[in-house]
Amino acid sequence: MLYRQTPLKKLIAGLSLSFGVLLTQSAYATSQVPSQSVAAEVQELMERVGPPSKVAIRDAKKVGMKDVKLHTLTDSERVKVAAAFASLPTLNRHILEKRLHYLAFLDGIPGEGTALTSPATRKGFYDITFRASVLNESLSTFLTTKEQSVFAADGSDIAVSVEGTGTDALTYLLLHESTHVLDFSCNTTTDPHSRFTEGIWTDPDTMVSHLATSAAARTHFHQGHPIGFGEAVAVYDSLAQSPFVSLYATASQYEDLAELVSWRELMSKHGGNLSIEVTDSQGKTMRHWEPLTFPGVEKRFAEVDELLATKQYCGISS
């Protein structure tokens, strides 16, 4: 999640989703010993694990989180974070080396969500903040908790679950948030001729008309309201006909890119998969979707591959 100036009502909804999750086992993050150059880069990035931004603290307190405070990583937690840094695509890691101000972890943040990326006080730099409790949360648990916030009880006894495989939550989140830093450092989605927005977004928060009126665009991720669990099948059937890899990707063009890059990388480099299941009151599967196989999503992966393979991108050498 990227920080932007928003009305309080929207901020509350965003923050309830936005402070997020990390890692369970560092072995998921990288299966190879990093090269000396990668190790040096990771060491540099680990030196930026530090205090949370004033924006993160202010906004957490604004929505009632009065006891937020800095979480100091244990030795084992530092190993997990370093492994996640090492597993990033070269371009994303280089972007963080040049643009990351601080990566911080906060205690006292309840609820579901991802993370907060906000402009740092140092011009051209960004702070990333995670809730510390997610250091021991699985990716599937995180994704399911976040997804269930889309829906409201309606007497249908229908349930929604999401499974993410191939990696841990920290790797996913660091992929997602570092892509925000890449996006805003290099104007990836704000370029008028961006291949990632053409035919999908008319401005950062507005989809083209046929997507804007779809069931997948009616959730609170995209300025809507919680909808009944009984509508879940219709929502995911709609998502399957769209170019979005997740419901969260419908939030804005920024989240769309971050989700697309994250899941492509998790699939291609970590052998991961994303699946969504809707079950009835007896726990029987009603429908099952695998968004990484959606036609509209698959055809966008070539653009992600080209981006991440770029050797020189907006002055950042990969």
Protein backbone atom coordinates (compact mmCIF):
# COMPACT_ATOMS: atom_id res chain seq x y z
CA MET A 1 0.00 0.00 0.00
CA LEU A 2 1.25 3.45 -0.86
CA TYR A 3 0.53 6.40 1.41
CA ARG A 4 -1.48 9.20 -0.16
CA GLN A 5 -3.41 12.10 1.34
CA THR A 6 -6.93 10.77 1.96
CA PRO A 7 -10.06 11.70 3.91
CA LEU A 8 -10.20 10.13 7.36
CA LYS A 9 -12.93 7.64 6.41
CA LYS A 10 -10.87 6.32 3.51
CA LEU A 11 -7.72 6.38 5.62
CA ILE A 12 -9.34 4.20 8.28
CA ALA A 13 -10.37 1.67 5.64
CA GLY A 14 -6.92 1.74 4.11
CA LEU A 15 -5.05 1.36 7.35
CA SER A 16 -7.24 -1.53 8.45
CA LEU A 17 -5.82 -3.30 5.39
CA SER A 18 -2.44 -1.76 5.20
CA PHE A 19 -0.20 -2.76 8.03
CA GLY A 20 1.00 -6.08 7.04
CA VAL A 21 2.72 -9.25 7.22
CA LEU A 22 6.08 -10.76 7.02
CA LEU A 23 7.64 -14.15 7.20
CA THR A 24 7.56 -17.58 8.71
CA GLN A 25 10.75 -19.32 7.67
CA SER A 26 13.72 -17.68 6.00
CA ALA A 27 14.34 -20.83 3.98
CA TYR A 28 11.37 -19.87 1.82
CA ALA A 29 12.89 -16.52 0.93
CA THR A 30 15.95 -17.76 -0.89
CA SER A 31 17.29 -21.22 -1.67
CA GLN A 32 20.69 -20.09 -2.89
CA VAL A 33 23.70 -18.57 -1.20
CA PRO A 34 23.85 -14.95 -2.38
CA SER A 35 26.84 -13.71 -4.34
CA GLN A 36 29.30 -11.34 -2.71
CA SER A 37 27.71 -8.37 -4.49
CA VAL A 38 24.23 -9.37 -3.35
CA ALA A 39 25.49 -9.98 0.19
CA ALA A 40 27.05 -6.52 0.28
CA GLU A 41 23.83 -4.98 -0.99
CA VAL A 42 21.77 -6.84 1.60
CA GLN A 43 24.13 -5.70 4.35
CA GLU A 44 23.65 -2.11 3.22
CA LEU A 45 19.86 -2.52 3.25
CA MET A 46 19.88 -4.15 6.68
CA GLU A 47 21.55 -1.03 8.03
CA ARG A 48 18.37 0.81 7.09
CA VAL A 49 16.15 -1.27 9.35
CA GLY A 50 15.33 1.47 11.80
CA PRO A 51 12.74 3.86 13.21
CA PRO A 52 9.24 4.12 11.73
CA SER A 53 8.27 7.18 9.74
CA LYS A 54 6.30 9.94 11.42
CA VAL A 55 3.61 9.37 8.81
CA ALA A 56 3.15 5.75 9.88
CA ILE A 57 2.99 6.63 13.58
CA ARG A 58 0.66 9.58 13.00
CA ASP A 59 -1.77 7.66 10.83
CA ALA A 60 -1.84 4.64 13.13
CA LYS A 61 -2.71 6.86 16.09
CA LYS A 62 -5.25 8.78 14.03
CA VAL A 63 -7.32 5.60 13.64
CA GLY A 64 -7.10 4.63 17.31
CA MET A 65 -3.85 2.65 17.52
CA LYS A 66 -2.52 4.57 20.52
CA ASP A 67 0.13 2.10 21.70
CA VAL A 68 2.17 1.68 18.53
CA LYS A 69 5.92 1.54 19.10
CA LEU A 70 9.09 0.42 17.36
CA HIS A 71 9.72 -3.31 17.31
CA THR A 72 13.37 -4.28 17.66
CA LEU A 73 14.15 -7.34 15.57
CA THR A 74 15.62 -10.40 17.25
CA ASP A 75 18.64 -12.09 15.68
CA SER A 76 16.43 -14.74 14.07
CA GLU A 77 14.08 -12.10 12.72
CA ARG A 78 17.00 -10.20 11.21
CA VAL A 79 18.01 -13.38 9.38
CA LYS A 80 14.51 -13.61 7.92
CA VAL A 81 14.53 -10.01 6.75
CA ALA A 82 18.00 -10.33 5.20
CA ALA A 83 16.90 -13.46 3.33
CA ALA A 84 13.86 -11.61 1.98
CA PHE A 85 16.06 -8.74 0.77
CA ALA A 86 18.37 -11.22 -0.95
CA SER A 87 15.48 -12.91 -2.75
CA LEU A 88 14.23 -9.71 -4.43
CA PRO A 89 14.66 -9.24 -8.18
CA THR A 90 17.89 -7.41 -8.93
CA LEU A 91 16.06 -4.30 -10.14
CA ASN A 92 13.89 -4.07 -7.01
CA ARG A 93 16.88 -4.57 -4.72
CA HIS A 94 18.85 -1.87 -6.55
CA ILE A 95 15.89 0.49 -6.29
CA LEU A 96 15.75 -0.04 -2.54
CA GLU A 97 19.48 0.49 -2.21
CA LYS A 98 19.10 3.88 -3.89
CA ARG A 99 15.69 4.97 -2.55
CA LEU A 100 14.90 3.22 0.75
CA HIS A 101 15.19 5.48 3.79
CA TYR A 102 14.07 3.12 6.56
CA LEU A 103 12.32 -0.23 6.86
CA ALA A 104 10.55 -0.34 10.22
CA PHE A 105 8.48 -2.81 12.22
CA LEU A 106 5.81 -1.68 14.66
CA ASP A 107 4.28 -3.38 17.67
CA GLY A 108 0.72 -2.47 18.64
CA ILE A 109 -0.78 -2.76 15.15
CA PRO A 110 -3.78 -5.13 15.13
CA GLY A 111 -5.79 -6.47 12.25
CA GLU A 112 -5.17 -7.50 8.69
CA GLY A 113 -3.25 -5.84 5.89
CA THR A 114 -0.01 -5.44 4.08
CA ALA A 115 2.37 -2.55 4.70
CA LEU A 116 2.70 1.18 4.35
CA THR A 117 5.09 2.84 1.90
CA SER A 118 5.35 6.58 2.45
CA PRO A 119 7.58 9.43 1.24
CA ALA A 120 10.48 9.98 3.61
CA THR A 121 11.59 13.32 4.99
CA ARG A 122 14.64 12.92 2.78
CA LYS A 123 13.54 13.98 -0.70
CA GLY A 124 13.31 11.17 -3.22
CA PHE A 125 13.42 8.47 -0.55
CA TYR A 126 10.71 6.23 0.91
CA ASP A 127 9.94 4.59 4.25
CA ILE A 128 8.35 1.15 4.47
CA THR A 129 6.53 0.09 7.64
CA PHE A 130 5.29 -3.38 8.63
CA ARG A 131 3.37 -4.51 11.68
CA ALA A 132 5.78 -6.69 13.63
CA SER A 133 3.23 -9.36 14.57
CA VAL A 134 3.26 -10.62 11.00
CA LEU A 135 6.82 -11.91 11.32
CA ASN A 136 5.27 -15.24 12.32
CA GLU A 137 2.21 -15.18 10.06
CA SER A 138 1.90 -17.45 7.02
CA LEU A 139 1.20 -16.04 3.57
CA SER A 140 -2.06 -17.98 3.26
CA THR A 141 -3.27 -16.77 6.66
CA PHE A 142 -2.45 -13.20 5.76
CA LEU A 143 -4.12 -13.39 2.34
CA THR A 144 -7.26 -15.05 3.71
CA THR A 145 -7.65 -12.54 6.55
CA LYS A 146 -7.24 -9.66 4.15
CA GLU A 147 -9.64 -11.15 1.60
CA GLN A 148 -12.35 -11.90 4.13
CA SER A 149 -12.48 -8.21 5.00
CA VAL A 150 -14.05 -7.68 1.57
CA PHE A 151 -17.17 -9.57 2.62
CA ALA A 152 -19.84 -9.25 5.30
CA ALA A 153 -22.01 -11.90 6.98
CA ASP A 154 -25.31 -12.26 5.14
CA GLY A 155 -26.72 -15.52 6.52
CA SER A 156 -25.41 -17.56 3.61
CA ASP A 157 -22.73 -19.39 5.66
CA ILE A 158 -20.43 -19.15 2.66
CA ALA A 159 -16.70 -18.82 3.36
CA VAL A 160 -13.76 -17.52 1.33
CA SER A 161 -10.17 -18.70 1.70
CA VAL A 162 -6.99 -17.83 -0.18
CA GLU A 163 -3.86 -19.94 -0.48
CA GLY A 164 -0.48 -18.54 -1.44
CA THR A 165 2.36 -21.00 -1.94
CA GLY A 166 6.04 -21.03 -2.86
CA THR A 167 7.29 -18.42 -0.45
CA ASP A 168 6.62 -16.61 2.81
CA ALA A 169 4.62 -13.49 3.46
CA LEU A 170 7.65 -11.26 3.98
CA THR A 171 9.02 -12.03 0.53
CA TYR A 172 5.62 -11.24 -0.97
CA LEU A 173 5.33 -7.99 0.96
CA LEU A 174 8.83 -6.83 0.22
CA LEU A 175 8.21 -7.56 -3.46
CA HIS A 176 4.99 -5.56 -3.31
CA GLU A 177 6.37 -2.58 -1.43
CA SER A 178 9.65 -2.40 -3.34
CA THR A 179 7.59 -2.30 -6.53
CA HIS A 180 5.84 0.78 -5.17
CA VAL A 181 9.25 2.38 -4.64
CA LEU A 182 10.22 1.40 -8.19
CA ASP A 183 6.95 2.76 -9.56
CA PHE A 184 7.21 6.14 -7.90
CA SER A 185 10.92 6.54 -8.45
CA CYS A 186 10.62 5.81 -12.17
CA ASN A 187 7.03 6.96 -12.95
CA THR A 188 6.22 3.47 -14.19
CA THR A 189 2.44 3.82 -14.03
CA THR A 190 2.19 7.61 -14.26
CA ASP A 191 3.86 7.73 -17.66
CA PRO A 192 1.06 8.67 -20.13
CA HIS A 193 2.15 5.77 -22.36
CA SER A 194 2.61 3.21 -19.60
CA ARG A 195 2.08 -0.32 -20.84
CA PHE A 196 0.83 -1.23 -17.37
CA THR A 197 -2.14 1.17 -17.42
CA GLU A 198 -3.13 1.48 -21.07
CA GLY A 199 -6.63 0.12 -21.62
CA ILE A 200 -7.07 -0.49 -17.88
CA TRP A 201 -6.72 2.79 -15.95
CA THR A 202 -7.68 6.31 -17.02
CA ASP A 203 -6.13 7.86 -13.91
CA PRO A 204 -4.57 6.40 -10.73
CA ASP A 205 -7.94 5.51 -9.16
CA THR A 206 -10.26 5.22 -12.19
CA MET A 207 -10.63 2.15 -14.39
CA VAL A 208 -11.90 2.16 -17.96
CA SER A 209 -15.69 1.97 -17.99
CA HIS A 210 -16.22 -1.73 -18.66
CA LEU A 211 -13.93 -2.65 -15.76
CA ALA A 212 -15.29 0.03 -13.42
CA THR A 213 -18.80 -1.42 -13.64
CA SER A 214 -17.73 -5.02 -12.99
CA ALA A 215 -18.54 -6.90 -9.79
CA ALA A 216 -14.81 -7.17 -9.02
CA ALA A 217 -14.57 -3.37 -8.84
CA ARG A 218 -17.34 -2.98 -6.25
CA THR A 219 -15.37 -4.04 -3.16
CA HIS A 220 -14.03 -1.72 -0.49
CA PHE A 221 -10.57 -2.15 -2.01
CA HIS A 222 -11.89 0.09 -4.78
CA GLN A 223 -13.85 2.64 -2.76
CA GLY A 224 -16.86 0.35 -2.33
CA HIS A 225 -18.36 -1.30 0.74
CA PRO A 226 -18.23 -4.81 2.21
CA ILE A 227 -20.53 -7.11 0.26
CA GLY A 228 -22.31 -10.29 1.30
CA PHE A 229 -20.47 -13.60 1.19
CA GLY A 230 -23.30 -14.82 -1.00
CA GLU A 231 -21.97 -12.63 -3.79
CA ALA A 232 -18.45 -14.07 -3.63
CA VAL A 233 -18.81 -16.39 -6.62
CA ALA A 234 -20.04 -13.53 -8.82
CA VAL A 235 -17.17 -11.33 -7.65
CA TYR A 236 -14.48 -13.90 -8.47
CA ASP A 237 -16.09 -14.88 -11.76
CA SER A 238 -15.88 -11.18 -12.63
CA LEU A 239 -12.24 -11.04 -11.52
CA ALA A 240 -11.48 -13.99 -13.82
CA GLN A 241 -12.62 -11.91 -16.81
CA SER A 242 -10.39 -8.97 -15.85
CA PRO A 243 -6.67 -8.13 -16.13
CA PHE A 244 -6.32 -8.05 -12.32
CA VAL A 245 -4.43 -10.75 -10.43
CA SER A 246 -6.30 -10.05 -7.17
CA LEU A 247 -9.14 -7.99 -5.77
CA TYR A 248 -6.56 -5.81 -4.04
CA ALA A 249 -5.10 -4.99 -7.46
CA THR A 250 -8.34 -3.14 -8.26
CA ALA A 251 -7.58 -0.55 -5.56
CA SER A 252 -5.48 1.67 -7.86
CA GLN A 253 -3.02 1.52 -10.71
CA TYR A 254 -0.25 1.50 -8.12
CA GLU A 255 -1.59 -1.58 -6.33
CA ASP A 256 -2.30 -3.21 -9.69
CA LEU A 257 1.37 -2.99 -10.70
CA ALA A 258 2.65 -4.05 -7.27
CA GLU A 259 0.39 -7.10 -7.20
CA LEU A 260 1.19 -8.06 -10.79
CA VAL A 261 4.96 -7.88 -10.29
CA SER A 262 4.82 -9.70 -6.95
CA TRP A 263 2.79 -12.64 -8.15
CA ARG A 264 4.69 -13.00 -11.42
CA GLU A 265 7.95 -13.12 -9.47
CA LEU A 266 6.58 -15.57 -6.90
CA MET A 267 5.34 -17.83 -9.70
CA SER A 268 8.41 -17.69 -11.95
CA LYS A 269 11.21 -17.64 -9.36
CA HIS A 270 9.67 -19.40 -6.35
CA GLY A 271 7.29 -21.86 -8.01
CA GLY A 272 4.40 -20.24 -6.15
CA ASN A 273 0.71 -20.21 -6.87
CA LEU A 274 -2.35 -18.24 -5.81
CA SER A 275 -5.75 -19.88 -5.39
CA ILE A 276 -9.13 -18.76 -4.09
CA GLU A 277 -11.83 -21.08 -2.81
CA VAL A 278 -15.45 -20.50 -1.89
CA THR A 279 -17.08 -23.13 0.32
CA ASP A 280 -20.65 -23.69 1.51
CA SER A 281 -22.01 -24.13 5.03
CA GLN A 282 -20.86 -27.78 5.03
CA GLY A 283 -17.33 -26.86 4.01
CA LYS A 284 -17.84 -28.24 0.51
CA THR A 285 -16.05 -26.44 -2.31
CA MET A 286 -18.45 -24.47 -4.45
CA ARG A 287 -15.90 -22.86 -6.77
CA HIS A 288 -12.13 -22.62 -7.12
CA TRP A 289 -10.06 -20.03 -9.02
CA GLU A 290 -6.36 -19.70 -9.82
CA PRO A 291 -5.78 -16.05 -10.78
CA LEU A 292 -2.29 -16.63 -12.20
CA THR A 293 -3.99 -18.55 -15.03
CA PHE A 294 -6.61 -15.90 -15.84
CA PRO A 295 -6.17 -15.01 -19.56
CA GLY A 296 -6.17 -11.27 -18.89
CA VAL A 297 -3.47 -11.72 -16.24
CA GLU A 298 -1.29 -14.15 -18.17
CA LYS A 299 -0.89 -11.83 -21.14
CA ARG A 300 0.47 -9.09 -18.85
CA PHE A 301 3.29 -11.24 -17.48
CA ALA A 302 5.49 -10.63 -20.52
CA GLU A 303 5.47 -6.92 -19.64
CA VAL A 304 6.59 -7.72 -16.10
CA ASP A 305 9.36 -10.01 -17.36
CA GLU A 306 10.59 -7.29 -19.69
CA LEU A 307 10.57 -4.72 -16.88
CA LEU A 308 12.49 -6.88 -14.41
CA ALA A 309 15.03 -7.92 -17.07
CA THR A 310 15.84 -4.32 -17.95
CA LYS A 311 19.54 -3.62 -17.41
CA GLN A 312 19.17 0.15 -17.12
CA TYR A 313 15.84 1.57 -15.95
CA CYS A 314 15.30 5.24 -15.15
CA GLY A 315 18.93 5.59 -14.18
CA ILE A 316 18.92 2.46 -12.03
CA SER A 317 21.35 -0.17 -13.24
CA SER A 318 20.18 -3.76 -12.76
